[in-house]
Amino acid sequence: MTTDEIESQTRVGIVSNEPLRLAGMLSVFDNHPGVVPTHGSIDRLVKHEDVRILILDITENRGWLEIMTTVRKHRPEIRFVLLGEGGDDELVMRAILAGARAYLDHQSGPFLVRQAVDVVLQGSIWAPRKLLSLLVDRLMEAHPGIQTGGPKELSPREGQVMALIMQAYSNREIAASLGIEERTVKAYVSSLMRKSGVENRVALSVANSKNFRPGGILG
């Protein structure tokens, strides 16, 4: 592995009190070119400056919200992926609104876990797409100052990219759908955020919610 490849990798911390689940999560990232998994206590992982994503198993941890709040005070750049019980849409909504970038059923298979982490690495949110429309509504309620309606002038290609962002497509998926390079997609996303006056894809979705509505399953 070259020095450039090592530097491009992201260290993902995994926290779980269930040994089998922990072992399974660590094995998910075997041979993943962009992720180096590690595990331990919250305190140890937060002190590890290279950790950029924390996968937190909340199946037996009711204090997950307090944990997220505490960690974000010290390491606001860390992105959370929560692993919990499936089938509870309200819990998923609470988790995303609290700042989690993804919520996964603890029974999710390796492919789905890797897919969700890849989406988070690209700066997006991974959640059931059926909840994204409701999520936009909740975000607008929580942040009434965000101006909706989107940028006034979009090129035809920017409009296509924006429509796919609102369907929660990752940069890679947008590139494949439109037949363009992923780096080109990133340039369009940056342009859209600049025109909308926002700093991330979530705020971009909220700002454009009157023009585009999401639907389907993310990932």
N, C-alpha and C. Protein backbone atom coordinates (compact mmCIF):
# COMPACT_ATOMS: atom_id res chain seq x y z
N MET A 1 0.84 -1.20 0.00
CA MET A 1 0.00 0.00 0.00
C MET A 1 0.87 1.25 0.00
N THR A 2 0.57 2.21 -0.84
CA THR A 2 1.38 3.42 -0.95
C THR A 2 1.06 4.40 0.17
N THR A 3 1.96 5.40 0.33
CA THR A 3 1.74 6.43 1.35
C THR A 3 0.46 7.21 1.08
N ASP A 4 0.20 7.52 -0.21
CA ASP A 4 -1.01 8.26 -0.57
C ASP A 4 -2.26 7.47 -0.21
N GLU A 5 -2.23 6.14 -0.43
CA GLU A 5 -3.39 5.31 -0.11
C GLU A 5 -3.63 5.27 1.39
N ILE A 6 -2.56 5.18 2.17
CA ILE A 6 -2.70 5.17 3.62
C ILE A 6 -3.29 6.48 4.11
N GLU A 7 -2.80 7.60 3.57
CA GLU A 7 -3.27 8.91 4.01
C GLU A 7 -4.72 9.15 3.61
N SER A 8 -5.19 8.47 2.56
CA SER A 8 -6.56 8.67 2.11
C SER A 8 -7.57 7.83 2.89
N GLN A 9 -7.08 6.95 3.77
CA GLN A 9 -7.97 6.10 4.53
C GLN A 9 -8.57 6.84 5.71
N THR A 10 -9.76 6.42 6.10
CA THR A 10 -10.45 7.01 7.26
C THR A 10 -10.52 5.98 8.37
N ARG A 11 -10.15 6.39 9.56
CA ARG A 11 -10.23 5.47 10.70
C ARG A 11 -11.64 5.52 11.28
N VAL A 12 -12.27 4.37 11.37
CA VAL A 12 -13.63 4.25 11.88
C VAL A 12 -13.59 3.52 13.22
N GLY A 13 -14.07 4.17 14.27
CA GLY A 13 -14.13 3.56 15.59
C GLY A 13 -15.44 2.83 15.79
N ILE A 14 -15.39 1.66 16.43
CA ILE A 14 -16.59 0.86 16.67
C ILE A 14 -16.73 0.61 18.16
N VAL A 15 -17.92 0.93 18.70
CA VAL A 15 -18.18 0.76 20.13
C VAL A 15 -19.36 -0.18 20.31
N SER A 16 -19.12 -1.34 20.91
CA SER A 16 -20.19 -2.30 21.17
C SER A 16 -19.80 -3.17 22.35
N ASN A 17 -20.78 -3.45 23.22
CA ASN A 17 -20.55 -4.33 24.36
C ASN A 17 -20.87 -5.79 24.03
N GLU A 18 -21.29 -6.02 22.78
CA GLU A 18 -21.66 -7.38 22.36
C GLU A 18 -20.51 -7.95 21.52
N PRO A 19 -19.73 -8.90 22.08
CA PRO A 19 -18.52 -9.39 21.41
C PRO A 19 -18.74 -9.90 19.98
N LEU A 20 -19.80 -10.67 19.76
CA LEU A 20 -20.04 -11.20 18.42
C LEU A 20 -20.37 -10.10 17.42
N ARG A 21 -21.17 -9.14 17.88
CA ARG A 21 -21.51 -8.03 17.00
C ARG A 21 -20.28 -7.19 16.70
N LEU A 22 -19.45 -6.97 17.70
CA LEU A 22 -18.22 -6.20 17.50
C LEU A 22 -17.32 -6.90 16.49
N ALA A 23 -17.15 -8.20 16.66
CA ALA A 23 -16.31 -8.96 15.73
C ALA A 23 -16.88 -8.89 14.31
N GLY A 24 -18.20 -8.97 14.21
CA GLY A 24 -18.83 -8.90 12.90
C GLY A 24 -18.62 -7.55 12.24
N MET A 25 -18.74 -6.48 13.03
CA MET A 25 -18.56 -5.14 12.48
C MET A 25 -17.12 -4.91 12.04
N LEU A 26 -16.17 -5.41 12.81
CA LEU A 26 -14.77 -5.26 12.42
C LEU A 26 -14.48 -6.00 11.11
N SER A 27 -15.09 -7.19 10.97
CA SER A 27 -14.84 -7.98 9.76
C SER A 27 -15.47 -7.34 8.51
N VAL A 28 -16.49 -6.51 8.73
CA VAL A 28 -17.16 -5.84 7.59
C VAL A 28 -16.16 -5.06 6.75
N PHE A 29 -15.15 -4.50 7.41
CA PHE A 29 -14.23 -3.60 6.71
C PHE A 29 -12.93 -4.27 6.31
N ASP A 30 -12.91 -5.61 6.36
CA ASP A 30 -11.74 -6.32 5.84
C ASP A 30 -11.53 -5.96 4.37
N ASN A 31 -10.33 -5.53 4.05
CA ASN A 31 -9.96 -5.20 2.67
C ASN A 31 -10.70 -3.98 2.11
N HIS A 32 -11.35 -3.19 2.98
CA HIS A 32 -11.97 -1.95 2.50
C HIS A 32 -10.85 -0.96 2.21
N PRO A 33 -10.76 -0.44 0.99
CA PRO A 33 -9.63 0.43 0.62
C PRO A 33 -9.62 1.78 1.32
N GLY A 34 -10.78 2.22 1.83
CA GLY A 34 -10.83 3.56 2.40
C GLY A 34 -11.04 3.63 3.89
N VAL A 35 -11.14 2.46 4.56
CA VAL A 35 -11.49 2.45 5.98
C VAL A 35 -10.52 1.58 6.78
N VAL A 36 -10.08 2.11 7.90
CA VAL A 36 -9.31 1.34 8.87
C VAL A 36 -10.14 1.25 10.14
N PRO A 37 -10.68 0.06 10.48
CA PRO A 37 -11.52 -0.06 11.67
C PRO A 37 -10.70 -0.22 12.94
N THR A 38 -11.23 0.29 14.03
CA THR A 38 -10.63 0.10 15.34
C THR A 38 -11.75 0.05 16.36
N HIS A 39 -11.47 -0.41 17.56
CA HIS A 39 -12.54 -0.51 18.57
C HIS A 39 -11.99 -0.17 19.94
N GLY A 40 -12.89 0.04 20.86
CA GLY A 40 -12.51 0.39 22.23
C GLY A 40 -13.61 1.19 22.90
N SER A 41 -13.28 1.82 24.00
CA SER A 41 -14.25 2.63 24.72
C SER A 41 -14.43 3.97 24.01
N ILE A 42 -15.54 4.62 24.30
CA ILE A 42 -15.79 5.95 23.73
C ILE A 42 -14.64 6.89 24.07
N ASP A 43 -14.23 6.91 25.32
CA ASP A 43 -13.18 7.82 25.76
C ASP A 43 -11.89 7.61 24.97
N ARG A 44 -11.52 6.34 24.77
CA ARG A 44 -10.26 6.07 24.06
C ARG A 44 -10.36 6.48 22.60
N LEU A 45 -11.49 6.16 21.98
CA LEU A 45 -11.63 6.46 20.56
C LEU A 45 -11.72 7.96 20.29
N VAL A 46 -12.37 8.69 21.18
CA VAL A 46 -12.48 10.14 21.00
C VAL A 46 -11.10 10.80 21.11
N LYS A 47 -10.23 10.22 21.94
CA LYS A 47 -8.89 10.78 22.08
C LYS A 47 -8.00 10.44 20.90
N HIS A 48 -8.45 9.47 20.09
CA HIS A 48 -7.69 9.07 18.91
C HIS A 48 -8.00 10.06 17.80
N GLU A 49 -7.07 10.96 17.53
CA GLU A 49 -7.33 12.07 16.60
C GLU A 49 -7.66 11.61 15.19
N ASP A 50 -7.23 10.40 14.81
CA ASP A 50 -7.48 9.93 13.45
C ASP A 50 -8.90 9.40 13.25
N VAL A 51 -9.63 9.15 14.34
CA VAL A 51 -10.99 8.62 14.21
C VAL A 51 -11.91 9.71 13.68
N ARG A 52 -12.57 9.43 12.57
CA ARG A 52 -13.45 10.41 11.95
C ARG A 52 -14.92 9.96 11.99
N ILE A 53 -15.14 8.65 12.10
CA ILE A 53 -16.50 8.12 12.20
C ILE A 53 -16.57 7.18 13.39
N LEU A 54 -17.66 7.29 14.16
CA LEU A 54 -17.90 6.38 15.28
C LEU A 54 -19.16 5.58 15.00
N ILE A 55 -19.02 4.25 14.97
CA ILE A 55 -20.18 3.38 14.88
C ILE A 55 -20.54 2.99 16.31
N LEU A 56 -21.68 3.44 16.78
CA LEU A 56 -22.09 3.24 18.16
C LEU A 56 -23.27 2.28 18.24
N ASP A 57 -23.05 1.14 18.90
CA ASP A 57 -24.10 0.15 19.10
C ASP A 57 -24.99 0.61 20.25
N ILE A 58 -26.24 0.97 19.94
CA ILE A 58 -27.13 1.51 20.97
C ILE A 58 -28.23 0.53 21.37
N THR A 59 -28.09 -0.74 20.97
CA THR A 59 -29.14 -1.72 21.27
C THR A 59 -29.36 -1.89 22.76
N GLU A 60 -28.31 -1.72 23.55
CA GLU A 60 -28.43 -1.83 25.00
C GLU A 60 -27.90 -0.58 25.69
N ASN A 61 -27.95 0.53 24.99
CA ASN A 61 -27.40 1.77 25.54
C ASN A 61 -28.43 2.88 25.40
N ARG A 62 -29.13 3.17 26.46
CA ARG A 62 -30.15 4.21 26.42
C ARG A 62 -29.56 5.61 26.55
N GLY A 63 -28.29 5.69 26.85
CA GLY A 63 -27.66 7.00 27.00
C GLY A 63 -26.96 7.48 25.75
N TRP A 64 -27.37 6.95 24.57
CA TRP A 64 -26.66 7.29 23.33
C TRP A 64 -26.73 8.77 22.99
N LEU A 65 -27.85 9.42 23.32
CA LEU A 65 -27.98 10.84 22.99
C LEU A 65 -27.00 11.67 23.81
N GLU A 66 -26.86 11.34 25.09
CA GLU A 66 -25.91 12.05 25.94
C GLU A 66 -24.48 11.80 25.46
N ILE A 67 -24.21 10.58 25.02
CA ILE A 67 -22.87 10.26 24.51
C ILE A 67 -22.56 11.11 23.28
N MET A 68 -23.51 11.18 22.35
CA MET A 68 -23.30 11.98 21.16
C MET A 68 -23.07 13.44 21.51
N THR A 69 -23.87 13.97 22.42
CA THR A 69 -23.75 15.37 22.81
C THR A 69 -22.39 15.66 23.42
N THR A 70 -21.92 14.76 24.29
CA THR A 70 -20.63 14.94 24.95
C THR A 70 -19.48 14.88 23.94
N VAL A 71 -19.53 13.87 23.07
CA VAL A 71 -18.46 13.71 22.09
C VAL A 71 -18.38 14.91 21.16
N ARG A 72 -19.53 15.40 20.72
CA ARG A 72 -19.54 16.51 19.77
C ARG A 72 -19.01 17.80 20.38
N LYS A 73 -19.04 17.93 21.71
CA LYS A 73 -18.47 19.11 22.36
C LYS A 73 -16.95 19.11 22.20
N HIS A 74 -16.36 17.93 22.23
CA HIS A 74 -14.91 17.81 22.14
C HIS A 74 -14.41 17.54 20.72
N ARG A 75 -15.23 16.81 19.94
CA ARG A 75 -14.83 16.45 18.58
C ARG A 75 -16.01 16.66 17.64
N PRO A 76 -16.36 17.91 17.36
CA PRO A 76 -17.54 18.19 16.53
C PRO A 76 -17.46 17.62 15.12
N GLU A 77 -16.24 17.30 14.68
CA GLU A 77 -16.08 16.79 13.31
C GLU A 77 -16.40 15.30 13.19
N ILE A 78 -16.52 14.59 14.31
CA ILE A 78 -16.80 13.15 14.26
C ILE A 78 -18.23 12.91 13.77
N ARG A 79 -18.36 11.95 12.87
CA ARG A 79 -19.67 11.58 12.34
C ARG A 79 -20.12 10.28 12.99
N PHE A 80 -21.37 10.25 13.44
CA PHE A 80 -21.90 9.08 14.12
C PHE A 80 -22.72 8.21 13.19
N VAL A 81 -22.50 6.91 13.28
CA VAL A 81 -23.36 5.90 12.68
C VAL A 81 -23.91 5.06 13.82
N LEU A 82 -25.23 5.04 13.96
CA LEU A 82 -25.84 4.32 15.07
C LEU A 82 -26.33 2.95 14.61
N LEU A 83 -26.14 1.97 15.47
CA LEU A 83 -26.54 0.59 15.21
C LEU A 83 -27.55 0.20 16.28
N GLY A 84 -28.81 -0.04 15.87
CA GLY A 84 -29.84 -0.31 16.87
C GLY A 84 -30.95 -1.20 16.34
N GLU A 85 -32.04 -1.21 17.08
CA GLU A 85 -33.19 -2.02 16.69
C GLU A 85 -33.81 -1.45 15.43
N GLY A 86 -34.28 -2.33 14.56
CA GLY A 86 -34.94 -1.89 13.34
C GLY A 86 -36.44 -1.73 13.53
N GLY A 87 -37.08 -1.08 12.58
CA GLY A 87 -38.53 -0.97 12.60
C GLY A 87 -39.10 0.18 13.39
N ASP A 88 -38.25 0.99 14.00
CA ASP A 88 -38.73 2.12 14.80
C ASP A 88 -38.40 3.41 14.06
N ASP A 89 -39.32 3.86 13.21
CA ASP A 89 -39.06 5.05 12.40
C ASP A 89 -38.83 6.29 13.24
N GLU A 90 -39.53 6.40 14.35
CA GLU A 90 -39.38 7.59 15.19
C GLU A 90 -37.99 7.64 15.82
N LEU A 91 -37.47 6.48 16.19
CA LEU A 91 -36.11 6.43 16.74
C LEU A 91 -35.09 6.84 15.68
N VAL A 92 -35.29 6.38 14.46
CA VAL A 92 -34.39 6.77 13.37
C VAL A 92 -34.43 8.29 13.18
N MET A 93 -35.63 8.86 13.19
CA MET A 93 -35.77 10.31 13.04
C MET A 93 -35.06 11.05 14.17
N ARG A 94 -35.25 10.57 15.39
CA ARG A 94 -34.59 11.20 16.55
C ARG A 94 -33.08 11.15 16.39
N ALA A 95 -32.58 10.01 15.94
CA ALA A 95 -31.13 9.85 15.80
C ALA A 95 -30.57 10.81 14.76
N ILE A 96 -31.22 10.90 13.60
CA ILE A 96 -30.73 11.77 12.53
C ILE A 96 -30.83 13.24 12.95
N LEU A 97 -31.94 13.61 13.56
CA LEU A 97 -32.11 15.00 14.00
C LEU A 97 -31.13 15.36 15.10
N ALA A 98 -30.68 14.35 15.87
CA ALA A 98 -29.70 14.59 16.93
C ALA A 98 -28.29 14.71 16.37
N GLY A 99 -28.13 14.41 15.09
CA GLY A 99 -26.82 14.59 14.47
C GLY A 99 -26.18 13.33 13.92
N ALA A 100 -26.84 12.17 14.08
CA ALA A 100 -26.28 10.94 13.50
C ALA A 100 -26.32 11.04 11.99
N ARG A 101 -25.31 10.51 11.32
CA ARG A 101 -25.26 10.54 9.87
C ARG A 101 -25.88 9.29 9.25
N ALA A 102 -26.07 8.25 10.08
CA ALA A 102 -26.69 7.02 9.58
C ALA A 102 -27.27 6.24 10.74
N TYR A 103 -28.33 5.49 10.44
CA TYR A 103 -28.92 4.59 11.43
C TYR A 103 -29.12 3.25 10.74
N LEU A 104 -28.56 2.19 11.36
CA LEU A 104 -28.63 0.85 10.78
C LEU A 104 -29.27 -0.13 11.76
N ASP A 105 -30.09 -1.01 11.22
CA ASP A 105 -30.59 -2.14 11.99
C ASP A 105 -29.38 -3.00 12.38
N HIS A 106 -29.32 -3.44 13.65
CA HIS A 106 -28.15 -4.21 14.09
C HIS A 106 -28.05 -5.56 13.37
N GLN A 107 -29.08 -5.94 12.63
CA GLN A 107 -29.04 -7.17 11.86
C GLN A 107 -28.66 -6.93 10.40
N SER A 108 -28.28 -5.71 10.08
CA SER A 108 -27.89 -5.39 8.71
C SER A 108 -26.68 -6.21 8.28
N GLY A 109 -26.67 -6.63 7.03
CA GLY A 109 -25.56 -7.41 6.50
C GLY A 109 -24.35 -6.55 6.19
N PRO A 110 -23.20 -7.20 5.94
CA PRO A 110 -21.94 -6.48 5.67
C PRO A 110 -22.05 -5.48 4.52
N PHE A 111 -22.73 -5.88 3.43
CA PHE A 111 -22.82 -4.99 2.27
C PHE A 111 -23.53 -3.69 2.63
N LEU A 112 -24.62 -3.80 3.39
CA LEU A 112 -25.39 -2.61 3.76
C LEU A 112 -24.60 -1.71 4.69
N VAL A 113 -23.85 -2.30 5.62
CA VAL A 113 -23.04 -1.51 6.55
C VAL A 113 -21.96 -0.75 5.79
N ARG A 114 -21.27 -1.44 4.90
CA ARG A 114 -20.22 -0.78 4.12
C ARG A 114 -20.81 0.32 3.25
N GLN A 115 -21.96 0.05 2.68
CA GLN A 115 -22.62 1.04 1.82
C GLN A 115 -22.97 2.29 2.62
N ALA A 116 -23.52 2.10 3.82
CA ALA A 116 -23.90 3.24 4.66
C ALA A 116 -22.69 4.06 5.05
N VAL A 117 -21.61 3.40 5.44
CA VAL A 117 -20.39 4.12 5.84
C VAL A 117 -19.80 4.86 4.64
N ASP A 118 -19.84 4.26 3.47
CA ASP A 118 -19.35 4.95 2.27
C ASP A 118 -20.15 6.22 2.00
N VAL A 119 -21.47 6.15 2.19
CA VAL A 119 -22.33 7.32 1.99
C VAL A 119 -21.97 8.42 2.99
N VAL A 120 -21.75 8.02 4.24
CA VAL A 120 -21.38 8.99 5.28
C VAL A 120 -20.02 9.61 4.96
N LEU A 121 -19.09 8.80 4.48
CA LEU A 121 -17.77 9.31 4.10
C LEU A 121 -17.86 10.37 3.01
N GLN A 122 -18.89 10.25 2.17
CA GLN A 122 -19.08 11.21 1.08
C GLN A 122 -19.83 12.45 1.52
N GLY A 123 -20.19 12.50 2.82
CA GLY A 123 -20.85 13.69 3.34
C GLY A 123 -22.36 13.65 3.33
N SER A 124 -22.94 12.49 3.02
CA SER A 124 -24.40 12.38 2.97
C SER A 124 -24.94 11.69 4.22
N ILE A 125 -26.26 11.61 4.29
CA ILE A 125 -26.94 10.92 5.36
C ILE A 125 -27.53 9.62 4.82
N TRP A 126 -27.36 8.55 5.56
CA TRP A 126 -27.93 7.26 5.18
C TRP A 126 -29.10 6.97 6.11
N ALA A 127 -30.27 6.82 5.54
CA ALA A 127 -31.48 6.48 6.29
C ALA A 127 -32.50 5.97 5.30
N PRO A 128 -33.53 5.26 5.75
CA PRO A 128 -34.58 4.84 4.81
C PRO A 128 -35.13 6.04 4.07
N ARG A 129 -35.13 5.98 2.76
CA ARG A 129 -35.52 7.13 1.97
C ARG A 129 -36.97 7.55 2.23
N LYS A 130 -37.80 6.60 2.65
CA LYS A 130 -39.18 6.94 2.95
C LYS A 130 -39.27 7.96 4.09
N LEU A 131 -38.20 8.05 4.89
CA LEU A 131 -38.19 9.00 6.00
C LEU A 131 -37.59 10.35 5.64
N LEU A 132 -36.96 10.44 4.47
CA LEU A 132 -36.24 11.67 4.15
C LEU A 132 -37.16 12.87 3.95
N SER A 133 -38.33 12.65 3.37
CA SER A 133 -39.27 13.75 3.20
C SER A 133 -39.70 14.29 4.56
N LEU A 134 -39.99 13.37 5.48
CA LEU A 134 -40.36 13.77 6.84
C LEU A 134 -39.18 14.45 7.52
N LEU A 135 -37.98 13.96 7.26
CA LEU A 135 -36.79 14.56 7.85
C LEU A 135 -36.62 16.00 7.41
N VAL A 136 -36.83 16.26 6.13
CA VAL A 136 -36.74 17.63 5.62
C VAL A 136 -37.74 18.53 6.34
N ASP A 137 -38.97 18.03 6.52
CA ASP A 137 -39.99 18.81 7.21
C ASP A 137 -39.58 19.11 8.65
N ARG A 138 -39.03 18.11 9.32
CA ARG A 138 -38.59 18.30 10.71
C ARG A 138 -37.45 19.31 10.79
N LEU A 139 -36.52 19.22 9.84
CA LEU A 139 -35.39 20.15 9.84
C LEU A 139 -35.86 21.58 9.60
N MET A 140 -36.85 21.74 8.75
CA MET A 140 -37.38 23.07 8.49
C MET A 140 -38.06 23.63 9.74
N GLU A 141 -38.71 22.75 10.50
CA GLU A 141 -39.34 23.19 11.75
C GLU A 141 -38.28 23.57 12.77
N ALA A 142 -37.20 22.77 12.81
CA ALA A 142 -36.14 23.01 13.79
C ALA A 142 -35.29 24.21 13.43
N HIS A 143 -35.18 24.51 12.12
CA HIS A 143 -34.35 25.63 11.66
C HIS A 143 -35.17 26.53 10.75
N PRO A 144 -36.11 27.27 11.29
CA PRO A 144 -37.00 28.10 10.47
C PRO A 144 -36.28 29.19 9.70
N GLY A 145 -35.03 29.49 10.08
CA GLY A 145 -34.30 30.55 9.40
C GLY A 145 -33.78 30.15 8.03
N ILE A 146 -33.78 28.83 7.75
CA ILE A 146 -33.28 28.39 6.45
C ILE A 146 -34.26 28.80 5.36
N GLN A 147 -33.77 29.46 4.35
CA GLN A 147 -34.62 29.90 3.26
C GLN A 147 -34.83 28.75 2.27
N THR A 148 -36.07 28.47 1.95
CA THR A 148 -36.36 27.40 1.01
C THR A 148 -36.65 27.96 -0.37
N GLY A 149 -36.65 27.08 -1.34
CA GLY A 149 -36.92 27.48 -2.70
C GLY A 149 -35.73 27.27 -3.61
N GLY A 150 -34.55 27.12 -2.99
CA GLY A 150 -33.36 26.78 -3.76
C GLY A 150 -32.78 27.97 -4.49
N PRO A 151 -31.64 27.78 -5.14
CA PRO A 151 -31.03 28.85 -5.91
C PRO A 151 -31.91 29.25 -7.08
N LYS A 152 -31.88 30.52 -7.42
CA LYS A 152 -32.79 31.02 -8.45
C LYS A 152 -32.40 30.55 -9.85
N GLU A 153 -31.10 30.34 -10.10
CA GLU A 153 -30.66 29.97 -11.44
C GLU A 153 -29.84 28.68 -11.37
N LEU A 154 -30.34 27.65 -12.04
CA LEU A 154 -29.61 26.39 -12.14
C LEU A 154 -29.42 26.04 -13.61
N SER A 155 -28.25 25.56 -13.93
CA SER A 155 -28.05 25.03 -15.27
C SER A 155 -28.83 23.72 -15.38
N PRO A 156 -29.10 23.25 -16.60
CA PRO A 156 -29.81 21.97 -16.75
C PRO A 156 -29.12 20.84 -16.00
N ARG A 157 -27.78 20.78 -16.06
CA ARG A 157 -27.06 19.71 -15.37
C ARG A 157 -27.15 19.87 -13.86
N GLU A 158 -27.05 21.12 -13.38
CA GLU A 158 -27.19 21.35 -11.94
C GLU A 158 -28.57 20.92 -11.46
N GLY A 159 -29.59 21.16 -12.29
CA GLY A 159 -30.93 20.72 -11.93
C GLY A 159 -31.02 19.21 -11.82
N GLN A 160 -30.35 18.50 -12.71
CA GLN A 160 -30.33 17.04 -12.65
C GLN A 160 -29.63 16.55 -11.40
N VAL A 161 -28.49 17.17 -11.09
CA VAL A 161 -27.74 16.78 -9.89
C VAL A 161 -28.56 17.06 -8.64
N MET A 162 -29.21 18.23 -8.61
CA MET A 162 -30.01 18.59 -7.45
C MET A 162 -31.16 17.61 -7.23
N ALA A 163 -31.80 17.21 -8.31
CA ALA A 163 -32.91 16.26 -8.21
C ALA A 163 -32.45 14.94 -7.61
N LEU A 164 -31.24 14.50 -7.98
CA LEU A 164 -30.72 13.24 -7.46
C LEU A 164 -30.25 13.39 -6.02
N ILE A 165 -29.72 14.56 -5.66
CA ILE A 165 -29.38 14.81 -4.26
C ILE A 165 -30.62 14.71 -3.39
N MET A 166 -31.73 15.24 -3.88
CA MET A 166 -32.97 15.20 -3.11
C MET A 166 -33.53 13.78 -3.02
N GLN A 167 -33.04 12.88 -3.87
CA GLN A 167 -33.41 11.48 -3.76
C GLN A 167 -32.37 10.71 -2.94
N ALA A 168 -31.47 11.48 -2.30
CA ALA A 168 -30.44 10.94 -1.40
C ALA A 168 -29.41 10.08 -2.13
N TYR A 169 -29.17 10.37 -3.40
CA TYR A 169 -28.12 9.66 -4.13
C TYR A 169 -26.76 10.15 -3.62
N SER A 170 -25.80 9.24 -3.52
CA SER A 170 -24.44 9.62 -3.19
C SER A 170 -23.78 10.21 -4.44
N ASN A 171 -22.61 10.82 -4.27
CA ASN A 171 -21.89 11.37 -5.42
C ASN A 171 -21.60 10.28 -6.45
N ARG A 172 -21.23 9.11 -5.96
CA ARG A 172 -20.92 8.00 -6.86
C ARG A 172 -22.15 7.59 -7.67
N GLU A 173 -23.29 7.53 -7.00
CA GLU A 173 -24.53 7.14 -7.68
C GLU A 173 -24.95 8.20 -8.70
N ILE A 174 -24.78 9.46 -8.35
CA ILE A 174 -25.12 10.54 -9.28
C ILE A 174 -24.24 10.45 -10.52
N ALA A 175 -22.95 10.21 -10.30
CA ALA A 175 -22.02 10.10 -11.42
C ALA A 175 -22.42 8.96 -12.35
N ALA A 176 -22.77 7.82 -11.76
CA ALA A 176 -23.17 6.66 -12.57
C ALA A 176 -24.47 6.93 -13.32
N SER A 177 -25.40 7.61 -12.64
CA SER A 177 -26.70 7.89 -13.25
C SER A 177 -26.59 8.85 -14.42
N LEU A 178 -25.72 9.85 -14.28
CA LEU A 178 -25.60 10.89 -15.31
C LEU A 178 -24.47 10.63 -16.30
N GLY A 179 -23.66 9.58 -16.05
CA GLY A 179 -22.58 9.28 -16.96
C GLY A 179 -21.45 10.29 -16.93
N ILE A 180 -21.15 10.82 -15.73
CA ILE A 180 -20.07 11.80 -15.59
C ILE A 180 -19.12 11.34 -14.49
N GLU A 181 -17.98 12.01 -14.37
CA GLU A 181 -17.00 11.66 -13.35
C GLU A 181 -17.48 12.09 -11.96
N GLU A 182 -17.06 11.32 -10.94
CA GLU A 182 -17.45 11.65 -9.57
C GLU A 182 -16.90 13.01 -9.15
N ARG A 183 -15.69 13.34 -9.62
CA ARG A 183 -15.12 14.64 -9.28
C ARG A 183 -15.94 15.78 -9.89
N THR A 184 -16.56 15.51 -11.04
CA THR A 184 -17.44 16.51 -11.67
C THR A 184 -18.69 16.71 -10.82
N VAL A 185 -19.21 15.62 -10.29
CA VAL A 185 -20.38 15.71 -9.41
C VAL A 185 -20.03 16.56 -8.20
N LYS A 186 -18.86 16.34 -7.60
CA LYS A 186 -18.45 17.11 -6.43
C LYS A 186 -18.40 18.60 -6.76
N ALA A 187 -17.95 18.92 -7.97
CA ALA A 187 -17.90 20.32 -8.38
C ALA A 187 -19.30 20.91 -8.48
N TYR A 188 -20.25 20.13 -9.02
CA TYR A 188 -21.64 20.59 -9.12
C TYR A 188 -22.24 20.78 -7.72
N VAL A 189 -21.96 19.84 -6.82
CA VAL A 189 -22.51 19.94 -5.46
C VAL A 189 -21.97 21.19 -4.78
N SER A 190 -20.68 21.45 -4.94
CA SER A 190 -20.09 22.66 -4.35
C SER A 190 -20.73 23.92 -4.92
N SER A 191 -20.98 23.91 -6.22
CA SER A 191 -21.62 25.05 -6.87
C SER A 191 -23.03 25.25 -6.34
N LEU A 192 -23.77 24.16 -6.16
CA LEU A 192 -25.14 24.24 -5.66
C LEU A 192 -25.17 24.77 -4.23
N MET A 193 -24.24 24.32 -3.41
CA MET A 193 -24.20 24.81 -2.02
C MET A 193 -23.85 26.28 -1.99
N ARG A 194 -22.93 26.69 -2.88
CA ARG A 194 -22.54 28.10 -2.95
C ARG A 194 -23.72 28.96 -3.38
N LYS A 195 -24.45 28.51 -4.39
CA LYS A 195 -25.60 29.27 -4.88
C LYS A 195 -26.73 29.32 -3.85
N SER A 196 -26.85 28.25 -3.06
CA SER A 196 -27.92 28.19 -2.06
C SER A 196 -27.52 28.85 -0.75
N GLY A 197 -26.24 29.17 -0.60
CA GLY A 197 -25.77 29.81 0.63
C GLY A 197 -25.75 28.87 1.81
N VAL A 198 -25.47 27.57 1.57
CA VAL A 198 -25.43 26.59 2.66
C VAL A 198 -24.07 25.91 2.65
N GLU A 199 -23.81 25.13 3.73
CA GLU A 199 -22.48 24.56 3.89
C GLU A 199 -22.47 23.04 3.85
N ASN A 200 -23.63 22.38 3.77
CA ASN A 200 -23.63 20.93 3.71
C ASN A 200 -24.85 20.44 2.94
N ARG A 201 -24.86 19.13 2.65
CA ARG A 201 -25.90 18.56 1.80
C ARG A 201 -27.26 18.53 2.48
N VAL A 202 -27.28 18.40 3.80
CA VAL A 202 -28.56 18.40 4.51
C VAL A 202 -29.24 19.75 4.35
N ALA A 203 -28.49 20.82 4.62
CA ALA A 203 -29.05 22.16 4.47
C ALA A 203 -29.41 22.44 3.00
N LEU A 204 -28.64 21.87 2.08
CA LEU A 204 -28.94 22.03 0.66
C LEU A 204 -30.29 21.39 0.34
N SER A 205 -30.54 20.21 0.90
CA SER A 205 -31.82 19.53 0.68
C SER A 205 -32.98 20.34 1.24
N VAL A 206 -32.78 20.88 2.45
CA VAL A 206 -33.83 21.69 3.08
C VAL A 206 -34.10 22.93 2.24
N ALA A 207 -33.02 23.59 1.79
CA ALA A 207 -33.17 24.82 1.03
C ALA A 207 -33.91 24.61 -0.29
N ASN A 208 -33.83 23.40 -0.82
CA ASN A 208 -34.46 23.10 -2.11
C ASN A 208 -35.71 22.25 -1.97
N SER A 209 -36.21 22.12 -0.76
CA SER A 209 -37.31 21.18 -0.51
C SER A 209 -38.61 21.58 -1.22
N LYS A 210 -38.78 22.86 -1.55
CA LYS A 210 -40.01 23.27 -2.24
C LYS A 210 -39.99 22.88 -3.71
N ASN A 211 -38.77 22.72 -4.25
CA ASN A 211 -38.64 22.40 -5.67
C ASN A 211 -38.48 20.92 -5.94
N PHE A 212 -37.89 20.19 -4.96
CA PHE A 212 -37.61 18.77 -5.14
C PHE A 212 -38.06 18.03 -3.89
N ARG A 213 -38.68 16.86 -4.05
CA ARG A 213 -39.06 16.03 -2.92
C ARG A 213 -38.46 14.65 -3.06
N PRO A 214 -37.83 14.12 -1.98
CA PRO A 214 -37.19 12.82 -2.07
C PRO A 214 -38.17 11.67 -2.03
N GLY A 215 -37.71 10.50 -2.47
CA GLY A 215 -38.53 9.31 -2.38
C GLY A 215 -37.71 8.07 -2.65
N GLY A 216 -38.04 6.95 -2.05
CA GLY A 216 -37.33 5.68 -2.27
C GLY A 216 -36.45 5.32 -1.09
N ILE A 217 -35.40 4.53 -1.31
CA ILE A 217 -34.53 4.05 -0.25
C ILE A 217 -33.10 4.50 -0.53
N LEU A 218 -32.52 5.14 0.45
CA LEU A 218 -31.16 5.66 0.30
C LEU A 218 -30.16 4.52 0.33
N GLY A 219 -29.12 4.68 -0.48
CA GLY A 219 -28.04 3.73 -0.42
C GLY A 219 -27.99 2.83 -1.61
